[in-house]
Amino acid sequence: MEGMAFGRFEGSGGPKPVKVGDEIDVTIEAVAAKGDGIAKIDGFVIFVKGAQQGATVKVRITDVRNRFAIGELITPA
């Protein structure tokens, strides 16, 4: 099965690890240039406005694109 990656999202058009409306707990790993927090689920990036690096927070997924999703901060987890 050459070229397959298990447990990591590779940015393909395949199934995403999250969908709009999901509420999940994530840890913010970094902060993007525009100030959004960055979390990852199975290598799939989730941007969270207003989240601070190192925080574990609950987010609601509001948009899912091919290579990333956008989540809104619900509460600190």
N, C-alpha and C. Protein backbone atom coordinates (compact mmCIF):
# COMPACT_ATOMS: atom_id res chain seq x y z
N MET A 1 0.83 -1.19 0.00
CA MET A 1 0.00 0.00 0.00
C MET A 1 0.87 1.24 0.00
N GLU A 2 1.69 1.31 -0.95
CA GLU A 2 2.60 2.43 -1.08
C GLU A 2 1.84 3.74 -1.23
N GLY A 3 2.33 4.77 -0.57
CA GLY A 3 1.74 6.10 -0.67
C GLY A 3 0.59 6.36 0.29
N MET A 4 0.20 5.34 1.04
CA MET A 4 -0.90 5.55 1.99
C MET A 4 -0.34 5.94 3.35
N ALA A 5 -1.01 6.84 4.01
CA ALA A 5 -0.61 7.27 5.35
C ALA A 5 -1.75 6.97 6.30
N PHE A 6 -1.47 6.18 7.30
CA PHE A 6 -2.50 5.82 8.27
C PHE A 6 -2.43 6.75 9.47
N GLY A 7 -3.59 7.25 9.92
CA GLY A 7 -3.64 8.09 11.10
C GLY A 7 -3.23 9.54 10.87
N ARG A 8 -2.97 9.91 9.63
CA ARG A 8 -2.61 11.30 9.34
C ARG A 8 -3.37 11.75 8.12
N PHE A 9 -3.94 12.94 8.20
CA PHE A 9 -4.64 13.53 7.07
C PHE A 9 -3.61 14.08 6.09
N GLU A 10 -3.78 13.78 4.83
CA GLU A 10 -2.80 14.19 3.83
C GLU A 10 -3.30 15.28 2.88
N GLY A 11 -4.44 15.92 3.19
CA GLY A 11 -4.91 17.03 2.36
C GLY A 11 -5.60 16.59 1.08
N SER A 12 -5.98 15.32 1.00
CA SER A 12 -6.66 14.82 -0.19
C SER A 12 -8.12 15.23 -0.16
N GLY A 13 -8.84 14.84 -1.17
CA GLY A 13 -10.27 15.11 -1.23
C GLY A 13 -11.08 14.10 -0.45
N GLY A 14 -10.44 13.23 0.30
CA GLY A 14 -11.12 12.17 1.04
C GLY A 14 -11.83 12.69 2.27
N PRO A 15 -12.32 11.76 3.09
CA PRO A 15 -13.07 12.14 4.29
C PRO A 15 -12.23 12.95 5.27
N LYS A 16 -12.86 13.94 5.88
CA LYS A 16 -12.18 14.79 6.86
C LYS A 16 -12.46 14.24 8.26
N PRO A 17 -11.58 14.50 9.22
CA PRO A 17 -11.79 13.98 10.57
C PRO A 17 -12.83 14.76 11.37
N VAL A 18 -13.34 15.88 10.83
CA VAL A 18 -14.38 16.67 11.49
C VAL A 18 -15.42 17.08 10.47
N LYS A 19 -16.61 17.45 10.97
CA LYS A 19 -17.65 17.97 10.07
C LYS A 19 -18.31 19.17 10.75
N VAL A 20 -18.99 19.98 9.97
CA VAL A 20 -19.66 21.17 10.50
C VAL A 20 -20.63 20.75 11.60
N GLY A 21 -20.57 21.45 12.72
CA GLY A 21 -21.43 21.17 13.85
C GLY A 21 -20.79 20.34 14.93
N ASP A 22 -19.68 19.66 14.61
CA ASP A 22 -18.98 18.87 15.64
C ASP A 22 -18.51 19.78 16.76
N GLU A 23 -18.61 19.30 17.99
CA GLU A 23 -18.06 20.00 19.15
C GLU A 23 -16.97 19.10 19.73
N ILE A 24 -15.74 19.61 19.72
CA ILE A 24 -14.59 18.79 20.11
C ILE A 24 -13.67 19.57 21.05
N ASP A 25 -12.92 18.82 21.85
CA ASP A 25 -11.88 19.40 22.69
C ASP A 25 -10.56 19.29 21.94
N VAL A 26 -9.84 20.40 21.87
CA VAL A 26 -8.54 20.41 21.18
C VAL A 26 -7.54 21.21 22.02
N THR A 27 -6.27 20.95 21.78
CA THR A 27 -5.20 21.74 22.39
C THR A 27 -4.61 22.62 21.30
N ILE A 28 -4.49 23.91 21.58
CA ILE A 28 -3.95 24.86 20.62
C ILE A 28 -2.43 24.71 20.62
N GLU A 29 -1.89 24.28 19.48
CA GLU A 29 -0.46 24.00 19.36
C GLU A 29 0.37 25.22 19.00
N ALA A 30 -0.26 26.16 18.30
CA ALA A 30 0.48 27.33 17.83
C ALA A 30 -0.53 28.44 17.54
N VAL A 31 -0.01 29.62 17.18
CA VAL A 31 -0.84 30.74 16.79
C VAL A 31 -0.41 31.19 15.40
N ALA A 32 -1.38 31.33 14.50
CA ALA A 32 -1.11 31.75 13.12
C ALA A 32 -0.74 33.23 13.07
N ALA A 33 -0.22 33.65 11.93
CA ALA A 33 0.21 35.03 11.75
C ALA A 33 -0.91 36.04 12.02
N LYS A 34 -2.15 35.66 11.73
CA LYS A 34 -3.28 36.57 11.95
C LYS A 34 -3.87 36.44 13.35
N GLY A 35 -3.27 35.60 14.20
CA GLY A 35 -3.69 35.50 15.59
C GLY A 35 -4.62 34.35 15.92
N ASP A 36 -5.05 33.58 14.92
CA ASP A 36 -5.92 32.44 15.20
C ASP A 36 -5.11 31.31 15.81
N GLY A 37 -5.73 30.60 16.78
CA GLY A 37 -5.11 29.42 17.34
C GLY A 37 -5.13 28.30 16.32
N ILE A 38 -4.12 27.42 16.37
CA ILE A 38 -4.03 26.29 15.46
C ILE A 38 -4.03 25.00 16.27
N ALA A 39 -4.99 24.15 15.95
CA ALA A 39 -5.05 22.81 16.55
C ALA A 39 -5.03 21.81 15.40
N LYS A 40 -4.77 20.54 15.71
CA LYS A 40 -4.78 19.50 14.68
C LYS A 40 -5.48 18.26 15.20
N ILE A 41 -6.26 17.65 14.32
CA ILE A 41 -6.89 16.36 14.56
C ILE A 41 -6.41 15.44 13.44
N ASP A 42 -5.66 14.41 13.78
CA ASP A 42 -5.10 13.48 12.78
C ASP A 42 -4.36 14.22 11.68
N GLY A 43 -3.66 15.30 12.03
CA GLY A 43 -2.89 16.06 11.06
C GLY A 43 -3.71 17.10 10.30
N PHE A 44 -5.02 17.14 10.52
CA PHE A 44 -5.91 18.09 9.84
C PHE A 44 -5.99 19.36 10.68
N VAL A 45 -5.69 20.50 10.08
CA VAL A 45 -5.58 21.77 10.80
C VAL A 45 -6.96 22.36 11.08
N ILE A 46 -7.12 22.87 12.30
CA ILE A 46 -8.34 23.59 12.70
C ILE A 46 -7.91 24.95 13.24
N PHE A 47 -8.42 26.02 12.63
CA PHE A 47 -8.14 27.38 13.08
C PHE A 47 -9.24 27.80 14.06
N VAL A 48 -8.83 28.40 15.19
CA VAL A 48 -9.78 28.82 16.23
C VAL A 48 -9.47 30.26 16.62
N LYS A 49 -10.36 31.18 16.24
CA LYS A 49 -10.17 32.60 16.55
C LYS A 49 -10.24 32.82 18.06
N GLY A 50 -9.28 33.56 18.60
CA GLY A 50 -9.28 33.93 20.00
C GLY A 50 -8.69 32.90 20.95
N ALA A 51 -8.20 31.79 20.43
CA ALA A 51 -7.62 30.76 21.30
C ALA A 51 -6.12 31.00 21.48
N GLN A 52 -5.65 30.78 22.69
CA GLN A 52 -4.25 31.02 23.03
C GLN A 52 -3.43 29.73 22.95
N GLN A 53 -2.18 29.85 22.53
CA GLN A 53 -1.28 28.70 22.43
C GLN A 53 -1.17 28.00 23.79
N GLY A 54 -1.26 26.68 23.77
CA GLY A 54 -1.15 25.87 24.97
C GLY A 54 -2.47 25.60 25.66
N ALA A 55 -3.52 26.32 25.28
CA ALA A 55 -4.83 26.14 25.92
C ALA A 55 -5.53 24.90 25.37
N THR A 56 -6.26 24.21 26.24
CA THR A 56 -7.16 23.15 25.81
C THR A 56 -8.55 23.73 25.85
N VAL A 57 -9.24 23.71 24.72
CA VAL A 57 -10.53 24.39 24.59
C VAL A 57 -11.55 23.50 23.89
N LYS A 58 -12.82 23.83 24.08
CA LYS A 58 -13.90 23.16 23.34
C LYS A 58 -14.28 24.09 22.19
N VAL A 59 -14.36 23.53 20.98
CA VAL A 59 -14.72 24.32 19.81
C VAL A 59 -15.86 23.65 19.05
N ARG A 60 -16.60 24.49 18.33
CA ARG A 60 -17.64 24.00 17.42
C ARG A 60 -17.14 24.26 16.00
N ILE A 61 -17.13 23.25 15.17
CA ILE A 61 -16.67 23.39 13.79
C ILE A 61 -17.73 24.12 12.99
N THR A 62 -17.33 25.24 12.36
CA THR A 62 -18.27 26.07 11.60
C THR A 62 -18.07 25.98 10.10
N ASP A 63 -16.90 25.51 9.66
CA ASP A 63 -16.60 25.41 8.22
C ASP A 63 -15.53 24.36 8.03
N VAL A 64 -15.68 23.55 6.99
CA VAL A 64 -14.67 22.54 6.66
C VAL A 64 -14.29 22.71 5.20
N ARG A 65 -13.01 22.91 4.98
CA ARG A 65 -12.47 23.07 3.62
C ARG A 65 -11.64 21.84 3.27
N ASN A 66 -11.01 21.84 2.10
CA ASN A 66 -10.19 20.69 1.70
C ASN A 66 -9.02 20.44 2.62
N ARG A 67 -8.35 21.51 3.08
CA ARG A 67 -7.11 21.33 3.83
C ARG A 67 -7.18 21.80 5.29
N PHE A 68 -8.31 22.40 5.69
CA PHE A 68 -8.42 22.89 7.06
C PHE A 68 -9.88 23.09 7.43
N ALA A 69 -10.11 23.31 8.72
CA ALA A 69 -11.45 23.63 9.22
C ALA A 69 -11.36 24.88 10.08
N ILE A 70 -12.50 25.51 10.31
CA ILE A 70 -12.58 26.67 11.18
C ILE A 70 -13.52 26.31 12.33
N GLY A 71 -13.06 26.59 13.53
CA GLY A 71 -13.87 26.33 14.71
C GLY A 71 -14.05 27.59 15.52
N GLU A 72 -15.20 27.68 16.19
CA GLU A 72 -15.44 28.81 17.09
C GLU A 72 -15.28 28.33 18.52
N LEU A 73 -14.70 29.17 19.32
CA LEU A 73 -14.45 28.86 20.71
C LEU A 73 -15.79 28.79 21.46
N ILE A 74 -16.03 27.67 22.14
CA ILE A 74 -17.24 27.54 22.96
C ILE A 74 -16.89 27.93 24.39
N THR A 75 -15.98 27.18 24.98
CA THR A 75 -15.51 27.46 26.34
C THR A 75 -14.15 26.81 26.52
N PRO A 76 -13.38 27.29 27.45
CA PRO A 76 -12.16 26.56 27.78
C PRO A 76 -12.57 25.18 28.29
N ALA A 77 -11.90 24.14 27.82
CA ALA A 77 -12.25 22.76 28.21
C ALA A 77 -11.75 22.46 29.60
